[in-house]
Amino acid sequence: MFFNINYLIYMIPAFILVALTSWYVKSAYNKWSQVPARSGLTGAQAAQRLIASAGLYGVQIQPIAGQMTDNYDPRTKVLNLSEGVASVASVASLAIAAHELGHAMQDSEDYLPLRLRAALVPAVNIGSNLGWILIMIGLFIGWTQIAWLGVIVFAMGAVFSLATLPVEFDASNRAKRMLVDSGIIMDGDERNGVNAVLNAAALTYVAALVTSVMQLLYYVSLVGGGRRRS
């Protein structure tokens, strides 16, 4: 009932978009990770310089395993940088380290979209597990009110993806400004590389939103079709 041709009709375009986006991100990262930064700064060194210039002295930097696993943890004020970013002096490393530091700046300023996204996390964790269960139960027993409740709960995932966009776009914009204003990137070619890496990364969040919306629309069609059949 839940995995049928209609599901594929809704989700295949989203899966294709995710696959293309993933390829584009890896392509941009691989290209610009091979281009040395003229400043000679690794991602960790650049982040340390930007932390000092922004007055974010409570932020610590630590290495983390994996590739493109970089993140900022607002709970511990730790900037986690993957080995390929922390210890490599490349244009891609500068872009990624500065982007994550953009989140640290948002945190220090109580940036409203960041707080909103954080507030949505508990609801999303519940909704992603509970929503489809309510939909299944409601359709199975023929009680569409429960199924529609499941749709509403499940919709929190799409709301979270939507709330993520301004947070990530703003962090990238901050990164671009910081790298230019600090003189860490020194010419148009490096600026183009930073833009390419960060713009590619931003597309992953757009793809995530499209995927969430298409899945939500599938469930809406499923519950709406079940109601008509009843």
C-alpha atoms as a PDB file:
ATOM      1  CA  MET A   1       0.000   0.000   0.000  1.00  0.00           C
ATOM      2  CA  PHE A   2       2.811   2.414   0.874  1.00  0.00           C
ATOM      3  CA  PHE A   3       5.441   1.435  -1.688  1.00  0.00           C
ATOM      4  CA  ASN A   4       3.839   1.554  -5.100  1.00  0.00           C
ATOM      5  CA  ILE A   5       4.232   3.162  -8.470  1.00  0.00           C
ATOM      6  CA  ASN A   6       2.867   6.456  -7.179  1.00  0.00           C
ATOM      7  CA  TYR A   7       5.687   6.587  -4.637  1.00  0.00           C
ATOM      8  CA  LEU A   8       8.212   6.229  -7.434  1.00  0.00           C
ATOM      9  CA  ILE A   9       6.481   8.915  -9.488  1.00  0.00           C
ATOM     10  CA  TYR A  10       6.843  11.356  -6.616  1.00  0.00           C
ATOM     11  CA  MET A  11      10.281  10.345  -5.405  1.00  0.00           C
ATOM     12  CA  ILE A  12      12.343   9.466  -8.484  1.00  0.00           C
ATOM     13  CA  PRO A  13      12.756  13.144  -9.496  1.00  0.00           C
ATOM     14  CA  ALA A  14      13.900  13.918  -5.940  1.00  0.00           C
ATOM     15  CA  PHE A  15      16.330  10.982  -5.921  1.00  0.00           C
ATOM     16  CA  ILE A  16      17.783  12.132  -9.241  1.00  0.00           C
ATOM     17  CA  LEU A  17      18.203  15.673  -7.881  1.00  0.00           C
ATOM     18  CA  VAL A  18      19.950  14.362  -4.764  1.00  0.00           C
ATOM     19  CA  ALA A  19      22.292  12.201  -6.851  1.00  0.00           C
ATOM     20  CA  LEU A  20      23.172  15.071  -9.203  1.00  0.00           C
ATOM     21  CA  THR A  21      23.710  17.421  -6.279  1.00  0.00           C
ATOM     22  CA  SER A  22      25.949  14.923  -4.517  1.00  0.00           C
ATOM     23  CA  TRP A  23      28.017  14.526  -7.672  1.00  0.00           C
ATOM     24  CA  TYR A  24      28.279  18.288  -8.114  1.00  0.00           C
ATOM     25  CA  VAL A  25      29.388  18.849  -4.507  1.00  0.00           C
ATOM     26  CA  LYS A  26      32.061  16.153  -4.713  1.00  0.00           C
ATOM     27  CA  SER A  27      33.230  17.480  -8.062  1.00  0.00           C
ATOM     28  CA  ALA A  28      33.594  21.038  -6.736  1.00  0.00           C
ATOM     29  CA  TYR A  29      35.307  19.839  -3.571  1.00  0.00           C
ATOM     30  CA  ASN A  30      37.714  17.547  -5.418  1.00  0.00           C
ATOM     31  CA  LYS A  31      38.647  20.290  -7.869  1.00  0.00           C
ATOM     32  CA  TRP A  32      39.286  23.049  -5.346  1.00  0.00           C
ATOM     33  CA  SER A  33      40.860  20.803  -2.723  1.00  0.00           C
ATOM     34  CA  GLN A  34      43.678  20.374  -5.243  1.00  0.00           C
ATOM     35  CA  VAL A  35      44.191  24.131  -5.610  1.00  0.00           C
ATOM     36  CA  PRO A  36      46.668  25.420  -2.979  1.00  0.00           C
ATOM     37  CA  ALA A  37      45.674  28.475  -0.961  1.00  0.00           C
ATOM     38  CA  ARG A  38      48.052  31.322  -1.733  1.00  0.00           C
ATOM     39  CA  SER A  39      47.958  32.358   1.932  1.00  0.00           C
ATOM     40  CA  GLY A  40      49.450  28.973   2.852  1.00  0.00           C
ATOM     41  CA  LEU A  41      46.886  28.631   5.627  1.00  0.00           C
ATOM     42  CA  THR A  42      45.215  25.318   6.380  1.00  0.00           C
ATOM     43  CA  GLY A  43      41.529  25.255   7.221  1.00  0.00           C
ATOM     44  CA  ALA A  44      42.314  25.106  10.946  1.00  0.00           C
ATOM     45  CA  GLN A  45      44.799  27.977  10.743  1.00  0.00           C
ATOM     46  CA  ALA A  46      42.385  30.123   8.784  1.00  0.00           C
ATOM     47  CA  ALA A  47      39.606  29.338  11.269  1.00  0.00           C
ATOM     48  CA  GLN A  48      41.875  30.295  14.171  1.00  0.00           C
ATOM     49  CA  ARG A  49      42.697  33.613  12.540  1.00  0.00           C
ATOM     50  CA  LEU A  50      39.032  34.333  11.856  1.00  0.00           C
ATOM     51  CA  ILE A  51      38.065  33.364  15.409  1.00  0.00           C
ATOM     52  CA  ALA A  52      40.548  35.920  16.729  1.00  0.00           C
ATOM     53  CA  SER A  53      39.453  38.672  14.331  1.00  0.00           C
ATOM     54  CA  ALA A  54      35.764  38.073  15.150  1.00  0.00           C
ATOM     55  CA  GLY A  55      36.357  37.878  18.898  1.00  0.00           C
ATOM     56  CA  LEU A  56      34.934  34.361  19.181  1.00  0.00           C
ATOM     57  CA  TYR A  57      37.426  33.298  21.828  1.00  0.00           C
ATOM     58  CA  GLY A  58      35.146  30.675  23.358  1.00  0.00           C
ATOM     59  CA  VAL A  59      35.150  28.635  20.127  1.00  0.00           C
ATOM     60  CA  GLN A  60      37.538  25.678  20.022  1.00  0.00           C
ATOM     61  CA  ILE A  61      38.759  23.735  16.995  1.00  0.00           C
ATOM     62  CA  GLN A  62      39.141  19.979  16.948  1.00  0.00           C
ATOM     63  CA  PRO A  63      39.733  17.371  14.219  1.00  0.00           C
ATOM     64  CA  ILE A  64      37.004  14.935  13.241  1.00  0.00           C
ATOM     65  CA  ALA A  65      37.103  11.767  11.155  1.00  0.00           C
ATOM     66  CA  GLY A  66      35.657  11.471   7.669  1.00  0.00           C
ATOM     67  CA  GLN A  67      35.431  13.614   4.555  1.00  0.00           C
ATOM     68  CA  MET A  68      33.155  16.667   4.442  1.00  0.00           C
ATOM     69  CA  THR A  69      31.943  15.843   7.956  1.00  0.00           C
ATOM     70  CA  ASP A  70      32.757  19.359   9.147  1.00  0.00           C
ATOM     71  CA  ASN A  71      30.301  20.987  11.542  1.00  0.00           C
ATOM     72  CA  TYR A  72      29.909  23.475  14.352  1.00  0.00           C
ATOM     73  CA  ASP A  73      28.385  22.239  17.625  1.00  0.00           C
ATOM     74  CA  PRO A  74      26.640  25.136  19.422  1.00  0.00           C
ATOM     75  CA  ARG A  75      26.284  23.078  22.611  1.00  0.00           C
ATOM     76  CA  THR A  76      30.033  22.739  23.134  1.00  0.00           C
ATOM     77  CA  LYS A  77      31.176  25.742  21.043  1.00  0.00           C
ATOM     78  CA  VAL A  78      33.443  23.388  19.083  1.00  0.00           C
ATOM     79  CA  LEU A  79      34.325  23.736  15.418  1.00  0.00           C
ATOM     80  CA  ASN A  80      34.814  20.172  14.133  1.00  0.00           C
ATOM     81  CA  LEU A  81      36.993  20.059  11.032  1.00  0.00           C
ATOM     82  CA  SER A  82      37.700  16.956   8.976  1.00  0.00           C
ATOM     83  CA  GLU A  83      41.326  16.069   8.343  1.00  0.00           C
ATOM     84  CA  GLY A  84      41.141  17.138   4.702  1.00  0.00           C
ATOM     85  CA  VAL A  85      40.032  20.590   5.815  1.00  0.00           C
ATOM     86  CA  ALA A  86      41.879  21.103   9.091  1.00  0.00           C
ATOM     87  CA  SER A  87      45.365  20.140   7.896  1.00  0.00           C
ATOM     88  CA  VAL A  88      45.294  21.046   4.190  1.00  0.00           C
ATOM     89  CA  ALA A  89      46.003  24.493   2.753  1.00  0.00           C
ATOM     90  CA  SER A  90      43.550  24.499  -0.155  1.00  0.00           C
ATOM     91  CA  VAL A  91      40.843  26.804  -1.435  1.00  0.00           C
ATOM     92  CA  ALA A  92      38.187  24.209  -0.552  1.00  0.00           C
ATOM     93  CA  SER A  93      39.520  23.942   3.006  1.00  0.00           C
ATOM     94  CA  LEU A  94      39.290  27.696   3.487  1.00  0.00           C
ATOM     95  CA  ALA A  95      35.712  27.772   2.177  1.00  0.00           C
ATOM     96  CA  ILE A  96      34.475  24.935   4.385  1.00  0.00           C
ATOM     97  CA  ALA A  97      36.231  26.109   7.554  1.00  0.00           C
ATOM     98  CA  ALA A  98      34.901  29.644   7.095  1.00  0.00           C
ATOM     99  CA  HIS A  99      31.374  28.350   6.450  1.00  0.00           C
ATOM    100  CA  GLU A 100      31.330  26.412   9.721  1.00  0.00           C
ATOM    101  CA  LEU A 101      32.730  29.434  11.501  1.00  0.00           C
ATOM    102  CA  GLY A 102      29.812  31.372  10.034  1.00  0.00           C
ATOM    103  CA  HIS A 103      27.573  29.134  12.155  1.00  0.00           C
ATOM    104  CA  ALA A 104      29.664  30.011  15.223  1.00  0.00           C
ATOM    105  CA  MET A 105      29.076  33.687  14.480  1.00  0.00           C
ATOM    106  CA  GLN A 106      25.347  33.035  14.158  1.00  0.00           C
ATOM    107  CA  ASP A 107      25.419  31.275  17.506  1.00  0.00           C
ATOM    108  CA  SER A 108      27.229  34.153  19.200  1.00  0.00           C
ATOM    109  CA  GLU A 109      24.684  36.636  17.805  1.00  0.00           C
ATOM    110  CA  ASP A 110      21.598  34.543  18.678  1.00  0.00           C
ATOM    111  CA  TYR A 111      20.726  34.516  14.999  1.00  0.00           C
ATOM    112  CA  LEU A 112      16.963  33.962  14.924  1.00  0.00           C
ATOM    113  CA  PRO A 113      16.764  31.430  12.040  1.00  0.00           C
ATOM    114  CA  LEU A 114      19.414  29.306  13.805  1.00  0.00           C
ATOM    115  CA  ARG A 115      17.375  29.343  17.028  1.00  0.00           C
ATOM    116  CA  LEU A 116      14.220  28.494  15.112  1.00  0.00           C
ATOM    117  CA  ARG A 117      15.879  25.524  13.436  1.00  0.00           C
ATOM    118  CA  ALA A 118      17.209  24.275  16.774  1.00  0.00           C
ATOM    119  CA  ALA A 119      13.742  24.576  18.313  1.00  0.00           C
ATOM    120  CA  LEU A 120      12.307  22.407  15.530  1.00  0.00           C
ATOM    121  CA  VAL A 121      14.688  19.493  16.133  1.00  0.00           C
ATOM    122  CA  PRO A 122      12.600  17.681  18.819  1.00  0.00           C
ATOM    123  CA  ALA A 123       9.434  17.955  16.726  1.00  0.00           C
ATOM    124  CA  VAL A 124      11.270  16.686  13.643  1.00  0.00           C
ATOM    125  CA  ASN A 125      12.718  13.716  15.513  1.00  0.00           C
ATOM    126  CA  ILE A 126       9.250  12.757  16.696  1.00  0.00           C
ATOM    127  CA  GLY A 127       7.516  13.522  13.416  1.00  0.00           C
ATOM    128  CA  SER A 128       9.889  11.521  11.230  1.00  0.00           C
ATOM    129  CA  ASN A 129       9.129   8.372  13.233  1.00  0.00           C
ATOM    130  CA  LEU A 130       5.551   8.952  14.331  1.00  0.00           C
ATOM    131  CA  GLY A 131       4.093  10.555  11.226  1.00  0.00           C
ATOM    132  CA  TRP A 132       4.143   7.576   8.868  1.00  0.00           C
ATOM    133  CA  ILE A 133       2.942   5.280  11.694  1.00  0.00           C
ATOM    134  CA  LEU A 134      -0.159   7.444  12.223  1.00  0.00           C
ATOM    135  CA  ILE A 135      -0.753   7.510   8.474  1.00  0.00           C
ATOM    136  CA  MET A 136      -0.528   3.713   8.266  1.00  0.00           C
ATOM    137  CA  ILE A 137      -2.828   3.180  11.258  1.00  0.00           C
ATOM    138  CA  GLY A 138      -5.351   5.732  10.041  1.00  0.00           C
ATOM    139  CA  LEU A 139      -5.584   4.196   6.577  1.00  0.00           C
ATOM    140  CA  PHE A 140      -5.658   0.646   7.929  1.00  0.00           C
ATOM    141  CA  ILE A 141      -8.618   1.273  10.257  1.00  0.00           C
ATOM    142  CA  GLY A 142     -10.274   3.715   7.857  1.00  0.00           C
ATOM    143  CA  TRP A 143      -9.995   6.677  10.225  1.00  0.00           C
ATOM    144  CA  THR A 144      -8.674   9.446   7.999  1.00  0.00           C
ATOM    145  CA  GLN A 145      -8.482  11.960  10.829  1.00  0.00           C
ATOM    146  CA  ILE A 146      -5.596   9.974  12.309  1.00  0.00           C
ATOM    147  CA  ALA A 147      -3.978   9.685   8.891  1.00  0.00           C
ATOM    148  CA  TRP A 148      -4.196  13.441   8.335  1.00  0.00           C
ATOM    149  CA  LEU A 149      -2.713  13.998  11.780  1.00  0.00           C
ATOM    150  CA  GLY A 150       0.163  11.810  10.669  1.00  0.00           C
ATOM    151  CA  VAL A 151       0.599  13.961   7.564  1.00  0.00           C
ATOM    152  CA  ILE A 152       0.739  17.106   9.703  1.00  0.00           C
ATOM    153  CA  VAL A 153       3.285  15.556  12.051  1.00  0.00           C
ATOM    154  CA  PHE A 154       5.363  14.272   9.155  1.00  0.00           C
ATOM    155  CA  ALA A 155       5.304  17.744   7.593  1.00  0.00           C
ATOM    156  CA  MET A 156       7.665  18.965  10.304  1.00  0.00           C
ATOM    157  CA  GLY A 157      10.518  17.465   8.296  1.00  0.00           C
ATOM    158  CA  ALA A 158       9.731  19.742   5.364  1.00  0.00           C
ATOM    159  CA  VAL A 159       9.398  22.718   7.700  1.00  0.00           C
ATOM    160  CA  PHE A 160      12.821  21.910   9.152  1.00  0.00           C
ATOM    161  CA  SER A 161      14.381  21.675   5.684  1.00  0.00           C
ATOM    162  CA  LEU A 162      12.842  25.034   4.806  1.00  0.00           C
ATOM    163  CA  ALA A 163      14.135  26.599   8.040  1.00  0.00           C
ATOM    164  CA  THR A 164      17.608  25.260   7.264  1.00  0.00           C
ATOM    165  CA  LEU A 165      17.974  27.239   4.023  1.00  0.00           C
ATOM    166  CA  PRO A 166      18.409  30.759   5.482  1.00  0.00           C
ATOM    167  CA  VAL A 167      20.795  29.386   8.130  1.00  0.00           C
ATOM    168  CA  GLU A 168      23.072  27.741   5.586  1.00  0.00           C
ATOM    169  CA  PHE A 169      22.883  30.530   3.010  1.00  0.00           C
ATOM    170  CA  ASP A 170      23.730  33.118   5.655  1.00  0.00           C
ATOM    171  CA  ALA A 171      26.688  31.060   6.919  1.00  0.00           C
ATOM    172  CA  SER A 172      28.046  30.854   3.369  1.00  0.00           C
ATOM    173  CA  ASN A 173      27.615  34.584   2.821  1.00  0.00           C
ATOM    174  CA  ARG A 174      29.431  35.283   6.087  1.00  0.00           C
ATOM    175  CA  ALA A 175      32.228  32.930   5.033  1.00  0.00           C
ATOM    176  CA  LYS A 176      32.730  34.703   1.720  1.00  0.00           C
ATOM    177  CA  ARG A 177      32.859  38.127   3.404  1.00  0.00           C
ATOM    178  CA  MET A 178      35.221  36.970   6.160  1.00  0.00           C
ATOM    179  CA  LEU A 179      37.686  35.409   3.764  1.00  0.00           C
ATOM    180  CA  VAL A 180      37.796  38.516   1.578  1.00  0.00           C
ATOM    181  CA  ASP A 181      37.833  41.100   4.387  1.00  0.00           C
ATOM    182  CA  SER A 182      40.589  39.253   6.262  1.00  0.00           C
ATOM    183  CA  GLY A 183      42.744  38.946   3.151  1.00  0.00           C
ATOM    184  CA  ILE A 184      42.923  35.165   3.481  1.00  0.00           C
ATOM    185  CA  ILE A 185      41.811  34.766  -0.129  1.00  0.00           C
ATOM    186  CA  MET A 186      43.881  36.978  -2.361  1.00  0.00           C
ATOM    187  CA  ASP A 187      42.531  37.076  -5.895  1.00  0.00           C
ATOM    188  CA  GLY A 188      39.543  36.479  -8.138  1.00  0.00           C
ATOM    189  CA  ASP A 189      40.439  32.870  -8.845  1.00  0.00           C
ATOM    190  CA  GLU A 190      40.392  31.952  -5.161  1.00  0.00           C
ATOM    191  CA  ARG A 191      37.148  33.847  -4.710  1.00  0.00           C
ATOM    192  CA  ASN A 192      35.632  31.885  -7.593  1.00  0.00           C
ATOM    193  CA  GLY A 193      36.749  28.659  -5.946  1.00  0.00           C
ATOM    194  CA  VAL A 194      35.234  29.582  -2.596  1.00  0.00           C
ATOM    195  CA  ASN A 195      31.986  30.520  -4.326  1.00  0.00           C
ATOM    196  CA  ALA A 196      31.943  27.252  -6.275  1.00  0.00           C
ATOM    197  CA  VAL A 197      32.433  25.088  -3.181  1.00  0.00           C
ATOM    198  CA  LEU A 198      29.901  26.938  -1.024  1.00  0.00           C
ATOM    199  CA  ASN A 199      27.280  27.287  -3.761  1.00  0.00           C
ATOM    200  CA  ALA A 200      27.521  23.565  -4.497  1.00  0.00           C
ATOM    201  CA  ALA A 201      27.111  22.757  -0.807  1.00  0.00           C
ATOM    202  CA  ALA A 202      24.058  25.016  -0.614  1.00  0.00           C
ATOM    203  CA  LEU A 203      22.359  22.942  -3.312  1.00  0.00           C
ATOM    204  CA  THR A 204      22.382  19.922  -0.989  1.00  0.00           C
ATOM    205  CA  TYR A 205      19.973  21.734   1.322  1.00  0.00           C
ATOM    206  CA  VAL A 206      17.745  22.668  -1.592  1.00  0.00           C
ATOM    207  CA  ALA A 207      17.717  19.012  -2.659  1.00  0.00           C
ATOM    208  CA  ALA A 208      16.834  17.969   0.895  1.00  0.00           C
ATOM    209  CA  LEU A 209      13.902  20.378   0.905  1.00  0.00           C
ATOM    210  CA  VAL A 210      12.646  19.092  -2.458  1.00  0.00           C
ATOM    211  CA  THR A 211      12.907  15.504  -1.195  1.00  0.00           C
ATOM    212  CA  SER A 212      10.961  16.326   1.977  1.00  0.00           C
ATOM    213  CA  VAL A 213       8.240  18.151   0.048  1.00  0.00           C
ATOM    214  CA  MET A 214       7.848  15.379  -2.531  1.00  0.00           C
ATOM    215  CA  GLN A 215       7.571  12.742   0.185  1.00  0.00           C
ATOM    216  CA  LEU A 216       5.013  14.867   1.990  1.00  0.00           C
ATOM    217  CA  LEU A 217       3.012  15.277  -1.223  1.00  0.00           C
ATOM    218  CA  TYR A 218       3.063  11.520  -1.705  1.00  0.00           C
ATOM    219  CA  TYR A 219       1.552  10.981   1.745  1.00  0.00           C
ATOM    220  CA  VAL A 220      -1.029  13.704   1.080  1.00  0.00           C
ATOM    221  CA  SER A 221      -2.043  11.925  -2.129  1.00  0.00           C
ATOM    222  CA  LEU A 222      -2.120   8.584  -0.306  1.00  0.00           C
ATOM    223  CA  VAL A 223      -4.388   9.831   2.475  1.00  0.00           C
ATOM    224  CA  GLY A 224      -6.535  11.831   0.066  1.00  0.00           C
ATOM    225  CA  GLY A 225      -6.932   8.792  -2.182  1.00  0.00           C
ATOM    226  CA  GLY A 226      -7.788   6.607   0.803  1.00  0.00           C
ATOM    227  CA  ARG A 227     -10.484   9.030   1.859  1.00  0.00           C
ATOM    228  CA  ARG A 228     -12.043   9.043  -1.617  1.00  0.00           C
ATOM    229  CA  ARG A 229     -12.014   5.245  -1.712  1.00  0.00           C
ATOM    230  CA  SER A 230     -13.765   5.096   1.642  1.00  0.00           C
END
